[in-house]
Amino acid sequence: MQTLQEEHPEVFSAFLAGYHVLLRSDRFWARLSTDLVIEQTLMRSMKSVGGLTRGRGIGDSLRTQWLLSRSACADMNSAMQEVTGSENTTSG
């Protein structure tokens, strides 16, 4: 990050323009950093029905298996949205 301006000026200017945050709703102050969005998404899916913390203990192997399966779940979710012509939206 200390040499970002010299080594990657286009990324540096995009960063300063606010392209390091995500909007999860239409509210003006709803911008969140990408790492926070990832954490919130993972925690929500861990605590939901069928998630990691519902009715069973969390061992290292279970946690690893669950985390490694997230990308496959995201791919399936995207494919289903494409097939059905729908998309995930949030109410704002």
PDB file of N, CA and C in Angstrom:
ATOM      1  N   MET A   1       0.820  -1.196   0.000  1.00  0.00           N
ATOM      2  CA  MET A   1       0.000   0.000   0.000  1.00  0.00           C
ATOM      3  C   MET A   1       0.862   1.256   0.000  1.00  0.00           C
ATOM      4  N   GLN A   2       2.032   1.176   0.564  1.00  0.00           N
ATOM      5  CA  GLN A   2       2.877   2.363   0.637  1.00  0.00           C
ATOM      6  C   GLN A   2       3.376   2.796  -0.738  1.00  0.00           C
ATOM      7  N   THR A   3       3.519   1.868  -1.659  1.00  0.00           N
ATOM      8  CA  THR A   3       4.003   2.215  -3.001  1.00  0.00           C
ATOM      9  C   THR A   3       2.908   2.111  -4.060  1.00  0.00           C
ATOM     10  N   LEU A   4       1.671   2.019  -3.636  1.00  0.00           N
ATOM     11  CA  LEU A   4       0.559   1.854  -4.573  1.00  0.00           C
ATOM     12  C   LEU A   4       0.473   3.013  -5.562  1.00  0.00           C
ATOM     13  N   GLN A   5       0.657   4.233  -5.100  1.00  0.00           N
ATOM     14  CA  GLN A   5       0.550   5.398  -5.976  1.00  0.00           C
ATOM     15  C   GLN A   5       1.585   5.358  -7.097  1.00  0.00           C
ATOM     16  N   GLU A   6       2.791   4.911  -6.810  1.00  0.00           N
ATOM     17  CA  GLU A   6       3.841   4.865  -7.826  1.00  0.00           C
ATOM     18  C   GLU A   6       3.730   3.625  -8.721  1.00  0.00           C
ATOM     19  N   GLU A   7       3.437   2.482  -8.125  1.00  0.00           N
ATOM     20  CA  GLU A   7       3.442   1.229  -8.879  1.00  0.00           C
ATOM     21  C   GLU A   7       2.148   0.967  -9.647  1.00  0.00           C
ATOM     22  N   HIS A   8       1.015   1.409  -9.114  1.00  0.00           N
ATOM     23  CA  HIS A   8      -0.287   1.175  -9.750  1.00  0.00           C
ATOM     24  C   HIS A   8      -1.143   2.439  -9.630  1.00  0.00           C
ATOM     25  N   PRO A   9      -0.825   3.486 -10.398  1.00  0.00           N
ATOM     26  CA  PRO A   9      -1.555   4.753 -10.251  1.00  0.00           C
ATOM     27  C   PRO A   9      -3.048   4.640 -10.558  1.00  0.00           C
ATOM     28  N   GLU A  10      -3.439   3.737 -11.477  1.00  0.00           N
ATOM     29  CA  GLU A  10      -4.864   3.595 -11.797  1.00  0.00           C
ATOM     30  C   GLU A  10      -5.640   2.995 -10.632  1.00  0.00           C
ATOM     31  N   VAL A  11      -5.030   2.052  -9.932  1.00  0.00           N
ATOM     32  CA  VAL A  11      -5.670   1.461  -8.758  1.00  0.00           C
ATOM     33  C   VAL A  11      -5.731   2.485  -7.632  1.00  0.00           C
ATOM     34  N   PHE A  12      -4.666   3.257  -7.480  1.00  0.00           N
ATOM     35  CA  PHE A  12      -4.616   4.284  -6.443  1.00  0.00           C
ATOM     36  C   PHE A  12      -5.719   5.321  -6.646  1.00  0.00           C
ATOM     37  N   SER A  13      -5.897   5.796  -7.886  1.00  0.00           N
ATOM     38  CA  SER A  13      -6.939   6.796  -8.127  1.00  0.00           C
ATOM     39  C   SER A  13      -8.338   6.204  -7.962  1.00  0.00           C
ATOM     40  N   ALA A  14      -8.525   4.936  -8.337  1.00  0.00           N
ATOM     41  CA  ALA A  14      -9.824   4.289  -8.122  1.00  0.00           C
ATOM     42  C   ALA A  14     -10.099   4.153  -6.627  1.00  0.00           C
ATOM     43  N   PHE A  15      -9.077   3.819  -5.862  1.00  0.00           N
ATOM     44  CA  PHE A  15      -9.212   3.701  -4.411  1.00  0.00           C
ATOM     45  C   PHE A  15      -9.641   5.033  -3.805  1.00  0.00           C
ATOM     46  N   LEU A  16      -9.001   6.129  -4.249  1.00  0.00           N
ATOM     47  CA  LEU A  16      -9.358   7.452  -3.740  1.00  0.00           C
ATOM     48  C   LEU A  16     -10.754   7.876  -4.174  1.00  0.00           C
ATOM     49  N   ALA A  17     -11.217   7.368  -5.316  1.00  0.00           N
ATOM     50  CA  ALA A  17     -12.548   7.711  -5.822  1.00  0.00           C
ATOM     51  C   ALA A  17     -13.648   6.921  -5.111  1.00  0.00           C
ATOM     52  N   GLY A  18     -13.289   6.017  -4.226  1.00  0.00           N
ATOM     53  CA  GLY A  18     -14.282   5.295  -3.444  1.00  0.00           C
ATOM     54  C   GLY A  18     -14.610   3.913  -3.949  1.00  0.00           C
ATOM     55  N   TYR A  19     -13.802   3.361  -4.842  1.00  0.00           N
ATOM     56  CA  TYR A  19     -14.082   2.041  -5.393  1.00  0.00           C
ATOM     57  C   TYR A  19     -13.542   0.910  -4.528  1.00  0.00           C
ATOM     58  N   HIS A  20     -13.407   1.134  -3.246  1.00  0.00           N
ATOM     59  CA  HIS A  20     -12.968   0.093  -2.322  1.00  0.00           C
ATOM     60  C   HIS A  20     -14.083  -0.311  -1.371  1.00  0.00           C
ATOM     61  N   VAL A  21     -15.284   0.155  -1.647  1.00  0.00           N
ATOM     62  CA  VAL A  21     -16.427  -0.151  -0.799  1.00  0.00           C
ATOM     63  C   VAL A  21     -17.551  -0.746  -1.639  1.00  0.00           C
ATOM     64  N   LEU A  22     -18.488  -1.393  -0.963  1.00  0.00           N
ATOM     65  CA  LEU A  22     -19.649  -1.998  -1.615  1.00  0.00           C
ATOM     66  C   LEU A  22     -20.913  -1.354  -1.087  1.00  0.00           C
ATOM     67  N   LEU A  23     -21.909  -1.249  -1.952  1.00  0.00           N
ATOM     68  CA  LEU A  23     -23.228  -0.788  -1.542  1.00  0.00           C
ATOM     69  C   LEU A  23     -24.131  -1.995  -1.417  1.00  0.00           C
ATOM     70  N   ARG A  24     -24.730  -2.186  -0.258  1.00  0.00           N
ATOM     71  CA  ARG A  24     -25.643  -3.313  -0.062  1.00  0.00           C
ATOM     72  C   ARG A  24     -27.087  -2.866  -0.043  1.00  0.00           C
ATOM     73  N   SER A  25     -27.338  -1.562  -0.110  1.00  0.00           N
ATOM     74  CA  SER A  25     -28.696  -1.030  -0.192  1.00  0.00           C
ATOM     75  C   SER A  25     -28.621   0.320  -0.892  1.00  0.00           C
ATOM     76  N   ASP A  26     -29.777   0.952  -1.076  1.00  0.00           N
ATOM     77  CA  ASP A  26     -29.827   2.242  -1.759  1.00  0.00           C
ATOM     78  C   ASP A  26     -29.568   3.421  -0.821  1.00  0.00           C
ATOM     79  N   ARG A  27     -29.354   3.152   0.424  1.00  0.00           N
ATOM     80  CA  ARG A  27     -29.112   4.229   1.388  1.00  0.00           C
ATOM     81  C   ARG A  27     -27.744   4.866   1.150  1.00  0.00           C
ATOM     82  N   PHE A  28     -27.687   6.187   1.359  1.00  0.00           N
ATOM     83  CA  PHE A  28     -26.463   6.925   1.070  1.00  0.00           C
ATOM     84  C   PHE A  28     -25.282   6.465   1.920  1.00  0.00           C
ATOM     85  N   TRP A  29     -25.486   6.217   3.195  1.00  0.00           N
ATOM     86  CA  TRP A  29     -24.392   5.846   4.093  1.00  0.00           C
ATOM     87  C   TRP A  29     -24.253   4.341   4.235  1.00  0.00           C
ATOM     88  N   ALA A  30     -24.672   3.571   3.233  1.00  0.00           N
ATOM     89  CA  ALA A  30     -24.662   2.111   3.324  1.00  0.00           C
ATOM     90  C   ALA A  30     -23.404   1.491   2.737  1.00  0.00           C
ATOM     91  N   ARG A  31     -22.388   2.236   2.508  1.00  0.00           N
ATOM     92  CA  ARG A  31     -21.155   1.695   1.924  1.00  0.00           C
ATOM     93  C   ARG A  31     -20.349   0.962   2.999  1.00  0.00           C
ATOM     94  N   LEU A  32     -19.911  -0.227   2.656  1.00  0.00           N
ATOM     95  CA  LEU A  32     -19.145  -1.048   3.589  1.00  0.00           C
ATOM     96  C   LEU A  32     -17.865  -1.514   2.914  1.00  0.00           C
ATOM     97  N   SER A  33     -16.834  -1.703   3.697  1.00  0.00           N
ATOM     98  CA  SER A  33     -15.591  -2.220   3.139  1.00  0.00           C
ATOM     99  C   SER A  33     -15.787  -3.681   2.724  1.00  0.00           C
ATOM    100  N   THR A  34     -15.030  -4.113   1.739  1.00  0.00           N
ATOM    101  CA  THR A  34     -15.203  -5.459   1.197  1.00  0.00           C
ATOM    102  C   THR A  34     -14.955  -6.531   2.253  1.00  0.00           C
ATOM    103  N   ASP A  35     -13.974  -6.349   3.114  1.00  0.00           N
ATOM    104  CA  ASP A  35     -13.703  -7.372   4.122  1.00  0.00           C
ATOM    105  C   ASP A  35     -14.851  -7.482   5.122  1.00  0.00           C
ATOM    106  N   LEU A  36     -15.505  -6.372   5.435  1.00  0.00           N
ATOM    107  CA  LEU A  36     -16.650  -6.411   6.345  1.00  0.00           C
ATOM    108  C   LEU A  36     -17.840  -7.122   5.700  1.00  0.00           C
ATOM    109  N   VAL A  37     -18.062  -6.883   4.410  1.00  0.00           N
ATOM    110  CA  VAL A  37     -19.161  -7.552   3.702  1.00  0.00           C
ATOM    111  C   VAL A  37     -18.928  -9.054   3.667  1.00  0.00           C
ATOM    112  N   ILE A  38     -17.706  -9.470   3.393  1.00  0.00           N
ATOM    113  CA  ILE A  38     -17.378 -10.897   3.378  1.00  0.00           C
ATOM    114  C   ILE A  38     -17.621 -11.504   4.756  1.00  0.00           C
ATOM    115  N   GLU A  39     -17.173 -10.814   5.798  1.00  0.00           N
ATOM    116  CA  GLU A  39     -17.363 -11.324   7.158  1.00  0.00           C
ATOM    117  C   GLU A  39     -18.846 -11.426   7.499  1.00  0.00           C
ATOM    118  N   GLN A  40     -19.633 -10.398   7.175  1.00  0.00           N
ATOM    119  CA  GLN A  40     -21.056 -10.419   7.482  1.00  0.00           C
ATOM    120  C   GLN A  40     -21.762 -11.543   6.734  1.00  0.00           C
ATOM    121  N   THR A  41     -21.404 -11.748   5.479  1.00  0.00           N
ATOM    122  CA  THR A  41     -22.022 -12.800   4.673  1.00  0.00           C
ATOM    123  C   THR A  41     -21.689 -14.173   5.234  1.00  0.00           C
ATOM    124  N   LEU A  42     -20.426 -14.389   5.578  1.00  0.00           N
ATOM    125  CA  LEU A  42     -20.031 -15.676   6.149  1.00  0.00           C
ATOM    126  C   LEU A  42     -20.703 -15.925   7.488  1.00  0.00           C
ATOM    127  N   MET A  43     -20.764 -14.906   8.336  1.00  0.00           N
ATOM    128  CA  MET A  43     -21.379 -15.079   9.650  1.00  0.00           C
ATOM    129  C   MET A  43     -22.875 -15.359   9.521  1.00  0.00           C
ATOM    130  N   ARG A  44     -23.543 -14.687   8.586  1.00  0.00           N
ATOM    131  CA  ARG A  44     -24.975 -14.926   8.392  1.00  0.00           C
ATOM    132  C   ARG A  44     -25.215 -16.368   7.964  1.00  0.00           C
ATOM    133  N   SER A  45     -24.409 -16.854   7.020  1.00  0.00           N
ATOM    134  CA  SER A  45     -24.615 -18.224   6.556  1.00  0.00           C
ATOM    135  C   SER A  45     -24.199 -19.247   7.605  1.00  0.00           C
ATOM    136  N   MET A  46     -23.263 -18.905   8.471  1.00  0.00           N
ATOM    137  CA  MET A  46     -22.880 -19.819   9.548  1.00  0.00           C
ATOM    138  C   MET A  46     -24.001 -19.982  10.556  1.00  0.00           C
ATOM    139  N   LYS A  47     -24.758 -18.905  10.813  1.00  0.00           N
ATOM    140  CA  LYS A  47     -25.753 -18.922  11.869  1.00  0.00           C
ATOM    141  C   LYS A  47     -27.157 -19.225  11.361  1.00  0.00           C
ATOM    142  N   SER A  48     -27.329 -19.368  10.057  1.00  0.00           N
ATOM    143  CA  SER A  48     -28.653 -19.650   9.513  1.00  0.00           C
ATOM    144  C   SER A  48     -28.979 -21.139   9.639  1.00  0.00           C
ATOM    145  N   VAL A  49     -30.197 -21.504   9.285  1.00  0.00           N
ATOM    146  CA  VAL A  49     -30.622 -22.900   9.341  1.00  0.00           C
ATOM    147  C   VAL A  49     -29.725 -23.720   8.419  1.00  0.00           C
ATOM    148  N   GLY A  50     -29.195 -24.799   8.933  1.00  0.00           N
ATOM    149  CA  GLY A  50     -28.275 -25.626   8.166  1.00  0.00           C
ATOM    150  C   GLY A  50     -26.852 -25.114   8.174  1.00  0.00           C
ATOM    151  N   GLY A  51     -26.629 -24.026   8.865  1.00  0.00           N
ATOM    152  CA  GLY A  51     -25.299 -23.443   8.925  1.00  0.00           C
ATOM    153  C   GLY A  51     -24.401 -24.182   9.908  1.00  0.00           C
ATOM    154  N   LEU A  52     -23.258 -23.640  10.101  1.00  0.00           N
ATOM    155  CA  LEU A  52     -22.226 -24.300  10.879  1.00  0.00           C
ATOM    156  C   LEU A  52     -22.543 -24.389  12.374  1.00  0.00           C
ATOM    157  N   THR A  53     -23.248 -23.419  12.922  1.00  0.00           N
ATOM    158  CA  THR A  53     -23.455 -23.389  14.369  1.00  0.00           C
ATOM    159  C   THR A  53     -24.805 -23.931  14.785  1.00  0.00           C
ATOM    160  N   ARG A  54     -25.560 -24.542  13.893  1.00  0.00           N
ATOM    161  CA  ARG A  54     -26.888 -25.058  14.232  1.00  0.00           C
ATOM    162  C   ARG A  54     -26.841 -26.552  14.536  1.00  0.00           C
ATOM    163  N   GLY A  55     -26.824 -26.893  15.822  1.00  0.00           N
ATOM    164  CA  GLY A  55     -26.988 -28.266  16.240  1.00  0.00           C
ATOM    165  C   GLY A  55     -25.761 -29.148  16.184  1.00  0.00           C
ATOM    166  N   ARG A  56     -24.606 -28.608  15.914  1.00  0.00           N
ATOM    167  CA  ARG A  56     -23.413 -29.457  15.916  1.00  0.00           C
ATOM    168  C   ARG A  56     -22.203 -28.623  16.329  1.00  0.00           C
ATOM    169  N   GLY A  57     -21.202 -29.309  16.756  1.00  0.00           N
ATOM    170  CA  GLY A  57     -19.985 -28.628  17.159  1.00  0.00           C
ATOM    171  C   GLY A  57     -19.174 -28.190  15.951  1.00  0.00           C
ATOM    172  N   ILE A  58     -18.238 -27.316  16.203  1.00  0.00           N
ATOM    173  CA  ILE A  58     -17.403 -26.808  15.118  1.00  0.00           C
ATOM    174  C   ILE A  58     -15.983 -27.303  15.320  1.00  0.00           C
ATOM    175  N   GLY A  59     -15.621 -28.344  14.594  1.00  0.00           N
ATOM    176  CA  GLY A  59     -14.250 -28.831  14.626  1.00  0.00           C
ATOM    177  C   GLY A  59     -13.467 -28.235  13.470  1.00  0.00           C
ATOM    178  N   ASP A  60     -12.171 -28.402  13.496  1.00  0.00           N
ATOM    179  CA  ASP A  60     -11.335 -27.850  12.427  1.00  0.00           C
ATOM    180  C   ASP A  60     -11.705 -28.406  11.056  1.00  0.00           C
ATOM    181  N   SER A  61     -11.948 -29.714  10.971  1.00  0.00           N
ATOM    182  CA  SER A  61     -12.251 -30.305   9.665  1.00  0.00           C
ATOM    183  C   SER A  61     -13.600 -29.831   9.147  1.00  0.00           C
ATOM    184  N   LEU A  62     -14.593 -29.682  10.019  1.00  0.00           N
ATOM    185  CA  LEU A  62     -15.904 -29.193   9.605  1.00  0.00           C
ATOM    186  C   LEU A  62     -15.811 -27.743   9.143  1.00  0.00           C
ATOM    187  N   ARG A  63     -15.083 -26.930   9.884  1.00  0.00           N
ATOM    188  CA  ARG A  63     -14.913 -25.521   9.520  1.00  0.00           C
ATOM    189  C   ARG A  63     -14.219 -25.395   8.171  1.00  0.00           C
ATOM    190  N   THR A  64     -13.190 -26.181   7.952  1.00  0.00           N
ATOM    191  CA  THR A  64     -12.469 -26.142   6.685  1.00  0.00           C
ATOM    192  C   THR A  64     -13.361 -26.574   5.533  1.00  0.00           C
ATOM    193  N   GLN A  65     -14.088 -27.663   5.718  1.00  0.00           N
ATOM    194  CA  GLN A  65     -14.991 -28.147   4.675  1.00  0.00           C
ATOM    195  C   GLN A  65     -16.056 -27.097   4.357  1.00  0.00           C
ATOM    196  N   TRP A  66     -16.613 -26.472   5.377  1.00  0.00           N
ATOM    197  CA  TRP A  66     -17.648 -25.471   5.175  1.00  0.00           C
ATOM    198  C   TRP A  66     -17.098 -24.262   4.416  1.00  0.00           C
ATOM    199  N   LEU A  67     -15.938 -23.769   4.832  1.00  0.00           N
ATOM    200  CA  LEU A  67     -15.352 -22.605   4.161  1.00  0.00           C
ATOM    201  C   LEU A  67     -14.991 -22.902   2.712  1.00  0.00           C
ATOM    202  N   LEU A  68     -14.449 -24.081   2.460  1.00  0.00           N
ATOM    203  CA  LEU A  68     -14.070 -24.426   1.087  1.00  0.00           C
ATOM    204  C   LEU A  68     -15.287 -24.625   0.183  1.00  0.00           C
ATOM    205  N   SER A  69     -16.432 -24.918   0.758  1.00  0.00           N
ATOM    206  CA  SER A  69     -17.639 -25.121  -0.051  1.00  0.00           C
ATOM    207  C   SER A  69     -18.329 -23.809  -0.418  1.00  0.00           C
ATOM    208  N   ARG A  70     -17.952 -22.694   0.189  1.00  0.00           N
ATOM    209  CA  ARG A  70     -18.619 -21.419  -0.066  1.00  0.00           C
ATOM    210  C   ARG A  70     -18.520 -20.989  -1.523  1.00  0.00           C
ATOM    211  N   SER A  71     -17.386 -21.169  -2.181  1.00  0.00           N
ATOM    212  CA  SER A  71     -17.263 -20.736  -3.573  1.00  0.00           C
ATOM    213  C   SER A  71     -18.171 -21.567  -4.475  1.00  0.00           C
ATOM    214  N   ALA A  72     -18.294 -22.864  -4.200  1.00  0.00           N
ATOM    215  CA  ALA A  72     -19.204 -23.708  -4.985  1.00  0.00           C
ATOM    216  C   ALA A  72     -20.644 -23.266  -4.769  1.00  0.00           C
ATOM    217  N   CYS A  73     -21.002 -22.929  -3.550  1.00  0.00           N
ATOM    218  CA  CYS A  73     -22.361 -22.453  -3.269  1.00  0.00           C
ATOM    219  C   CYS A  73     -22.636 -21.138  -3.997  1.00  0.00           C
ATOM    220  N   ALA A  74     -21.659 -20.254  -4.033  1.00  0.00           N
ATOM    221  CA  ALA A  74     -21.837 -18.983  -4.731  1.00  0.00           C
ATOM    222  C   ALA A  74     -22.005 -19.210  -6.228  1.00  0.00           C
ATOM    223  N   ASP A  75     -21.243 -20.139  -6.801  1.00  0.00           N
ATOM    224  CA  ASP A  75     -21.385 -20.463  -8.220  1.00  0.00           C
ATOM    225  C   ASP A  75     -22.773 -21.016  -8.520  1.00  0.00           C
ATOM    226  N   MET A  76     -23.257 -21.905  -7.672  1.00  0.00           N
ATOM    227  CA  MET A  76     -24.598 -22.467  -7.868  1.00  0.00           C
ATOM    228  C   MET A  76     -25.666 -21.395  -7.731  1.00  0.00           C
ATOM    229  N   ASN A  77     -25.508 -20.505  -6.772  1.00  0.00           N
ATOM    230  CA  ASN A  77     -26.453 -19.416  -6.582  1.00  0.00           C
ATOM    231  C   ASN A  77     -26.502 -18.528  -7.818  1.00  0.00           C
ATOM    232  N   SER A  78     -25.348 -18.174  -8.359  1.00  0.00           N
ATOM    233  CA  SER A  78     -25.297 -17.341  -9.561  1.00  0.00           C
ATOM    234  C   SER A  78     -25.940 -18.036 -10.751  1.00  0.00           C
ATOM    235  N   ALA A  79     -25.672 -19.333 -10.905  1.00  0.00           N
ATOM    236  CA  ALA A  79     -26.254 -20.088 -12.011  1.00  0.00           C
ATOM    237  C   ALA A  79     -27.774 -20.148 -11.892  1.00  0.00           C
ATOM    238  N   MET A  80     -28.278 -20.355 -10.691  1.00  0.00           N
ATOM    239  CA  MET A  80     -29.723 -20.411 -10.494  1.00  0.00           C
ATOM    240  C   MET A  80     -30.370 -19.055 -10.768  1.00  0.00           C
ATOM    241  N   GLN A  81     -29.712 -17.982 -10.388  1.00  0.00           N
ATOM    242  CA  GLN A  81     -30.238 -16.651 -10.679  1.00  0.00           C
ATOM    243  C   GLN A  81     -30.275 -16.406 -12.178  1.00  0.00           C
ATOM    244  N   GLU A  82     -29.262 -16.865 -12.887  1.00  0.00           N
ATOM    245  CA  GLU A  82     -29.220 -16.717 -14.338  1.00  0.00           C
ATOM    246  C   GLU A  82     -30.333 -17.519 -15.001  1.00  0.00           C
ATOM    247  N   VAL A  83     -30.530 -18.757 -14.564  1.00  0.00           N
ATOM    248  CA  VAL A  83     -31.557 -19.627 -15.137  1.00  0.00           C
ATOM    249  C   VAL A  83     -32.962 -19.064 -14.897  1.00  0.00           C
ATOM    250  N   THR A  84     -33.197 -18.557 -13.692  1.00  0.00           N
ATOM    251  CA  THR A  84     -34.528 -18.072 -13.351  1.00  0.00           C
ATOM    252  C   THR A  84     -34.757 -16.614 -13.736  1.00  0.00           C
ATOM    253  N   GLY A  85     -33.708 -15.941 -14.156  1.00  0.00           N
ATOM    254  CA  GLY A  85     -33.856 -14.531 -14.537  1.00  0.00           C
ATOM    255  C   GLY A  85     -34.085 -13.616 -13.356  1.00  0.00           C
ATOM    256  N   SER A  86     -33.664 -14.037 -12.191  1.00  0.00           N
ATOM    257  CA  SER A  86     -33.823 -13.217 -10.992  1.00  0.00           C
ATOM    258  C   SER A  86     -32.449 -12.842 -10.466  1.00  0.00           C
ATOM    259  N   GLU A  87     -32.438 -11.971  -9.486  1.00  0.00           N
ATOM    260  CA  GLU A  87     -31.179 -11.625  -8.835  1.00  0.00           C
ATOM    261  C   GLU A  87     -31.424 -11.257  -7.395  1.00  0.00           C
ATOM    262  N   ASN A  88     -30.391 -11.405  -6.589  1.00  0.00           N
ATOM    263  CA  ASN A  88     -30.477 -11.017  -5.177  1.00  0.00           C
ATOM    264  C   ASN A  88     -30.548  -9.506  -5.087  1.00  0.00           C
ATOM    265  N   THR A  89     -31.522  -9.001  -4.391  1.00  0.00           N
ATOM    266  CA  THR A  89     -31.613  -7.562  -4.148  1.00  0.00           C
ATOM    267  C   THR A  89     -31.874  -7.351  -2.671  1.00  0.00           C
ATOM    268  N   THR A  90     -31.565  -6.172  -2.218  1.00  0.00           N
ATOM    269  CA  THR A  90     -31.851  -5.822  -0.831  1.00  0.00           C
ATOM    270  C   THR A  90     -32.880  -4.721  -0.817  1.00  0.00           C
ATOM    271  N   SER A  91     -33.674  -4.689   0.212  1.00  0.00           N
ATOM    272  CA  SER A  91     -34.631  -3.596   0.340  1.00  0.00           C
ATOM    273  C   SER A  91     -33.964  -2.457   1.074  1.00  0.00           C
ATOM    274  N   GLY A  92     -34.142  -1.280   0.621  1.00  0.00           N
ATOM    275  CA  GLY A  92     -33.469  -0.150   1.232  1.00  0.00           C
ATOM    276  C   GLY A  92     -34.432   0.803   1.702  1.00  0.00           C
TER     277      GLY A  92
END
